[in-house]
Amino acid sequence: MVYGAAYVFIDRAYILLGRDGDAITVELAAKDEGTDDETLRAMAGDFSNELLSQALRRKITKANQTILE
């Protein structure tokens, strides 16, 4: 899920994924140097929403796996 969300943002941001124990850490850095703090916060929110979307896609795919096969 995290890789899928990161792929969606690959054109707008540099993305660094890491681990902190059981948690996955994500660092976003805008590719546009003139990006302000408000835009960065919006990008972080958009990334969170994309994570939710990826999780829902995965849940739907698992629920319909027999139909898809």
N, C-alpha and C. Protein backbone atom coordinates (compact mmCIF):
# COMPACT_ATOMS: atom_id res chain seq x y z
N MET A 1 0.81 -1.19 0.00
CA MET A 1 0.00 0.00 0.00
C MET A 1 0.86 1.26 0.00
N VAL A 2 1.89 1.26 0.79
CA VAL A 2 2.74 2.45 0.88
C VAL A 2 3.46 2.67 -0.44
N TYR A 3 3.92 1.60 -1.06
CA TYR A 3 4.60 1.73 -2.35
C TYR A 3 3.64 2.29 -3.40
N GLY A 4 2.39 1.84 -3.38
CA GLY A 4 1.40 2.34 -4.34
C GLY A 4 1.15 3.83 -4.15
N ALA A 5 1.01 4.26 -2.92
CA ALA A 5 0.79 5.68 -2.64
C ALA A 5 2.03 6.49 -3.03
N ALA A 6 3.19 5.96 -2.74
CA ALA A 6 4.43 6.67 -3.08
C ALA A 6 4.55 6.82 -4.60
N TYR A 7 4.15 5.80 -5.34
CA TYR A 7 4.23 5.85 -6.80
C TYR A 7 3.36 6.97 -7.37
N VAL A 8 2.20 7.19 -6.77
CA VAL A 8 1.30 8.25 -7.22
C VAL A 8 1.96 9.63 -7.06
N PHE A 9 2.80 9.77 -6.04
CA PHE A 9 3.42 11.07 -5.74
C PHE A 9 4.80 11.24 -6.35
N ILE A 10 5.28 10.28 -7.09
CA ILE A 10 6.66 10.30 -7.60
C ILE A 10 6.93 11.49 -8.52
N ASP A 11 5.89 12.03 -9.16
CA ASP A 11 6.11 13.17 -10.05
C ASP A 11 6.16 14.50 -9.30
N ARG A 12 5.62 14.54 -8.07
CA ARG A 12 5.56 15.80 -7.32
C ARG A 12 6.58 15.90 -6.21
N ALA A 13 7.07 14.76 -5.71
CA ALA A 13 7.90 14.81 -4.51
C ALA A 13 8.97 13.73 -4.53
N TYR A 14 10.04 14.01 -3.81
CA TYR A 14 11.03 12.98 -3.50
C TYR A 14 10.50 12.26 -2.27
N ILE A 15 10.55 10.95 -2.29
CA ILE A 15 9.95 10.16 -1.22
C ILE A 15 11.00 9.23 -0.64
N LEU A 16 11.14 9.27 0.68
CA LEU A 16 12.06 8.39 1.38
C LEU A 16 11.25 7.54 2.34
N LEU A 17 11.31 6.23 2.15
CA LEU A 17 10.60 5.29 3.02
C LEU A 17 11.60 4.65 3.96
N GLY A 18 11.20 4.45 5.20
CA GLY A 18 12.07 3.83 6.18
C GLY A 18 11.26 3.06 7.21
N ARG A 19 11.97 2.49 8.18
CA ARG A 19 11.32 1.73 9.25
C ARG A 19 11.76 2.27 10.59
N ASP A 20 10.81 2.29 11.50
CA ASP A 20 11.08 2.65 12.88
C ASP A 20 10.37 1.60 13.74
N GLY A 21 11.05 0.50 13.99
CA GLY A 21 10.41 -0.63 14.67
C GLY A 21 9.39 -1.27 13.74
N ASP A 22 8.15 -1.33 14.18
CA ASP A 22 7.09 -1.89 13.34
C ASP A 22 6.44 -0.85 12.43
N ALA A 23 6.75 0.41 12.64
CA ALA A 23 6.14 1.50 11.87
C ALA A 23 6.95 1.78 10.61
N ILE A 24 6.25 2.24 9.60
CA ILE A 24 6.89 2.68 8.36
C ILE A 24 6.91 4.20 8.38
N THR A 25 8.06 4.78 8.11
CA THR A 25 8.17 6.24 8.06
C THR A 25 8.21 6.69 6.61
N VAL A 26 7.61 7.84 6.36
CA VAL A 26 7.59 8.42 5.02
C VAL A 26 8.03 9.86 5.13
N GLU A 27 9.02 10.23 4.33
CA GLU A 27 9.46 11.62 4.26
C GLU A 27 9.20 12.12 2.85
N LEU A 28 8.47 13.22 2.76
CA LEU A 28 8.17 13.84 1.47
C LEU A 28 8.95 15.14 1.35
N ALA A 29 9.56 15.36 0.22
CA ALA A 29 10.22 16.63 -0.07
C ALA A 29 9.78 17.04 -1.47
N ALA A 30 9.22 18.22 -1.58
CA ALA A 30 8.70 18.71 -2.85
C ALA A 30 9.83 18.86 -3.87
N LYS A 31 9.55 18.50 -5.11
CA LYS A 31 10.54 18.67 -6.17
C LYS A 31 10.68 20.13 -6.57
N ASP A 32 9.62 20.91 -6.40
CA ASP A 32 9.65 22.33 -6.69
C ASP A 32 10.26 23.07 -5.49
N GLU A 33 11.36 23.76 -5.72
CA GLU A 33 12.08 24.40 -4.62
C GLU A 33 11.30 25.53 -3.95
N GLY A 34 10.36 26.14 -4.64
CA GLY A 34 9.63 27.27 -4.08
C GLY A 34 8.36 26.87 -3.33
N THR A 35 8.26 25.64 -2.91
CA THR A 35 7.05 25.16 -2.24
C THR A 35 6.98 25.68 -0.81
N ASP A 36 5.83 26.27 -0.45
CA ASP A 36 5.66 26.81 0.90
C ASP A 36 5.13 25.74 1.86
N ASP A 37 5.11 26.09 3.15
CA ASP A 37 4.70 25.15 4.20
C ASP A 37 3.26 24.68 4.03
N GLU A 38 2.38 25.59 3.62
CA GLU A 38 0.98 25.22 3.44
C GLU A 38 0.82 24.16 2.35
N THR A 39 1.55 24.31 1.28
CA THR A 39 1.50 23.34 0.18
C THR A 39 2.06 22.00 0.63
N LEU A 40 3.12 22.03 1.43
CA LEU A 40 3.69 20.78 1.94
C LEU A 40 2.71 20.06 2.86
N ARG A 41 2.01 20.81 3.70
CA ARG A 41 1.00 20.19 4.58
C ARG A 41 -0.13 19.59 3.75
N ALA A 42 -0.53 20.28 2.70
CA ALA A 42 -1.58 19.76 1.81
C ALA A 42 -1.10 18.49 1.12
N MET A 43 0.16 18.46 0.72
CA MET A 43 0.72 17.28 0.08
C MET A 43 0.74 16.09 1.05
N ALA A 44 1.08 16.35 2.31
CA ALA A 44 1.07 15.30 3.32
C ALA A 44 -0.35 14.77 3.53
N GLY A 45 -1.33 15.66 3.53
CA GLY A 45 -2.72 15.24 3.65
C GLY A 45 -3.17 14.42 2.45
N ASP A 46 -2.77 14.85 1.26
CA ASP A 46 -3.09 14.10 0.04
C ASP A 46 -2.45 12.72 0.07
N PHE A 47 -1.24 12.64 0.60
CA PHE A 47 -0.57 11.34 0.70
C PHE A 47 -1.33 10.43 1.66
N SER A 48 -1.79 10.98 2.78
CA SER A 48 -2.59 10.19 3.73
C SER A 48 -3.87 9.68 3.08
N ASN A 49 -4.52 10.54 2.30
CA ASN A 49 -5.73 10.13 1.60
C ASN A 49 -5.44 9.04 0.58
N GLU A 50 -4.31 9.14 -0.09
CA GLU A 50 -3.94 8.11 -1.07
C GLU A 50 -3.66 6.78 -0.37
N LEU A 51 -3.07 6.82 0.82
CA LEU A 51 -2.87 5.59 1.59
C LEU A 51 -4.20 4.93 1.91
N LEU A 52 -5.19 5.72 2.30
CA LEU A 52 -6.53 5.18 2.57
C LEU A 52 -7.13 4.57 1.30
N SER A 53 -6.95 5.24 0.20
CA SER A 53 -7.47 4.74 -1.08
C SER A 53 -6.81 3.42 -1.45
N GLN A 54 -5.51 3.32 -1.26
CA GLN A 54 -4.79 2.08 -1.56
C GLN A 54 -5.26 0.95 -0.66
N ALA A 55 -5.52 1.26 0.61
CA ALA A 55 -6.01 0.24 1.54
C ALA A 55 -7.38 -0.26 1.12
N LEU A 56 -8.25 0.64 0.70
CA LEU A 56 -9.57 0.24 0.24
C LEU A 56 -9.49 -0.61 -1.02
N ARG A 57 -8.63 -0.20 -1.97
CA ARG A 57 -8.45 -1.01 -3.18
C ARG A 57 -8.01 -2.42 -2.85
N ARG A 58 -7.08 -2.53 -1.91
CA ARG A 58 -6.58 -3.85 -1.52
C ARG A 58 -7.69 -4.70 -0.89
N LYS A 59 -8.51 -4.07 -0.03
CA LYS A 59 -9.61 -4.77 0.62
C LYS A 59 -10.63 -5.26 -0.41
N ILE A 60 -10.96 -4.41 -1.37
CA ILE A 60 -11.92 -4.79 -2.41
C ILE A 60 -11.36 -5.91 -3.27
N THR A 61 -10.09 -5.83 -3.61
CA THR A 61 -9.47 -6.87 -4.42
C THR A 61 -9.48 -8.21 -3.70
N LYS A 62 -9.16 -8.21 -2.42
CA LYS A 62 -9.19 -9.46 -1.65
C LYS A 62 -10.60 -10.02 -1.56
N ALA A 63 -11.59 -9.15 -1.37
CA ALA A 63 -12.98 -9.60 -1.24
C ALA A 63 -13.49 -10.20 -2.55
N ASN A 64 -12.99 -9.72 -3.66
CA ASN A 64 -13.45 -10.16 -4.98
C ASN A 64 -12.44 -11.03 -5.71
N GLN A 65 -11.50 -11.59 -4.99
CA GLN A 65 -10.42 -12.35 -5.62
C GLN A 65 -10.94 -13.53 -6.44
N THR A 66 -11.90 -14.25 -5.93
CA THR A 66 -12.43 -15.41 -6.68
C THR A 66 -13.11 -14.96 -7.96
N ILE A 67 -13.80 -13.85 -7.93
CA ILE A 67 -14.46 -13.33 -9.14
C ILE A 67 -13.42 -12.90 -10.16
N LEU A 68 -12.36 -12.26 -9.69
CA LEU A 68 -11.31 -11.79 -10.59
C LEU A 68 -10.54 -12.93 -11.25
N GLU A 69 -10.41 -14.02 -10.54
CA GLU A 69 -9.68 -15.17 -11.09
C GLU A 69 -10.56 -15.92 -12.05
